[in-house]
Amino acid sequence: MEIMAVILAVVIGFVVLKFISGMVKFAVLAVILLALFYFMTGGFGA
């Protein structure tokens, strides 16, 4: 039973790690897009 718990914990940890790394990639992409939009429009409100 303890072995099952350890395996389950490892699998959940791996899924969470993948999810967090995916969110970080998405956040970096969003920041890059915002920066590009900012420079292409010459600044917000201009």
C-alpha atoms as a PDB file:
ATOM      1  CA  MET A   1       0.000   0.000   0.000  1.00  0.00           C
ATOM      2  CA  GLU A   2       2.888   2.357   0.797  1.00  0.00           C
ATOM      3  CA  ILE A   3       4.435   1.663  -2.603  1.00  0.00           C
ATOM      4  CA  MET A   4       1.158   2.694  -4.288  1.00  0.00           C
ATOM      5  CA  ALA A   5       1.127   5.933  -2.293  1.00  0.00           C
ATOM      6  CA  VAL A   6       4.719   6.727  -3.315  1.00  0.00           C
ATOM      7  CA  ILE A   7       3.994   6.006  -6.992  1.00  0.00           C
ATOM      8  CA  LEU A   8       0.854   8.161  -6.847  1.00  0.00           C
ATOM      9  CA  ALA A   9       2.776  11.011  -5.191  1.00  0.00           C
ATOM     10  CA  VAL A  10       5.495  10.866  -7.870  1.00  0.00           C
ATOM     11  CA  VAL A  11       2.928  10.877 -10.697  1.00  0.00           C
ATOM     12  CA  ILE A  12       1.011  13.810  -9.175  1.00  0.00           C
ATOM     13  CA  GLY A  13       4.269  15.712  -8.647  1.00  0.00           C
ATOM     14  CA  PHE A  14       5.274  15.121 -12.271  1.00  0.00           C
ATOM     15  CA  VAL A  15       1.892  16.324 -13.581  1.00  0.00           C
ATOM     16  CA  VAL A  16       2.032  19.448 -11.382  1.00  0.00           C
ATOM     17  CA  LEU A  17       5.593  20.172 -12.559  1.00  0.00           C
ATOM     18  CA  LYS A  18       4.528  19.829 -16.208  1.00  0.00           C
ATOM     19  CA  PHE A  19       1.514  22.096 -15.592  1.00  0.00           C
ATOM     20  CA  ILE A  20       3.643  24.754 -13.862  1.00  0.00           C
ATOM     21  CA  SER A  21       6.300  24.703 -16.607  1.00  0.00           C
ATOM     22  CA  GLY A  22       3.534  25.023 -19.219  1.00  0.00           C
ATOM     23  CA  MET A  23       2.079  28.020 -17.388  1.00  0.00           C
ATOM     24  CA  VAL A  24       5.539  29.636 -17.165  1.00  0.00           C
ATOM     25  CA  LYS A  25       6.028  29.190 -20.932  1.00  0.00           C
ATOM     26  CA  PHE A  26       2.586  30.720 -21.539  1.00  0.00           C
ATOM     27  CA  ALA A  27       3.377  33.668 -19.243  1.00  0.00           C
ATOM     28  CA  VAL A  28       6.723  34.327 -20.969  1.00  0.00           C
ATOM     29  CA  LEU A  29       5.022  34.197 -24.373  1.00  0.00           C
ATOM     30  CA  ALA A  30       2.345  36.655 -23.173  1.00  0.00           C
ATOM     31  CA  VAL A  31       5.012  39.079 -21.879  1.00  0.00           C
ATOM     32  CA  ILE A  32       6.888  38.910 -25.199  1.00  0.00           C
ATOM     33  CA  LEU A  33       3.679  39.566 -27.141  1.00  0.00           C
ATOM     34  CA  LEU A  34       2.815  42.519 -24.897  1.00  0.00           C
ATOM     35  CA  ALA A  35       6.310  43.980 -25.362  1.00  0.00           C
ATOM     36  CA  LEU A  36       6.051  43.596 -29.154  1.00  0.00           C
ATOM     37  CA  PHE A  37       2.608  45.214 -29.156  1.00  0.00           C
ATOM     38  CA  TYR A  38       3.931  48.073 -27.003  1.00  0.00           C
ATOM     39  CA  PHE A  39       6.860  48.794 -29.327  1.00  0.00           C
ATOM     40  CA  MET A  40       4.842  48.409 -32.529  1.00  0.00           C
ATOM     41  CA  THR A  41       2.170  50.869 -31.370  1.00  0.00           C
ATOM     42  CA  GLY A  42       4.744  53.331 -30.021  1.00  0.00           C
ATOM     43  CA  GLY A  43       3.596  52.968 -26.430  1.00  0.00           C
ATOM     44  CA  PHE A  44       0.179  52.594 -24.868  1.00  0.00           C
ATOM     45  CA  GLY A  45      -2.163  55.549 -25.234  1.00  0.00           C
ATOM     46  CA  ALA A  46      -0.085  57.124 -27.991  1.00  0.00           C
END
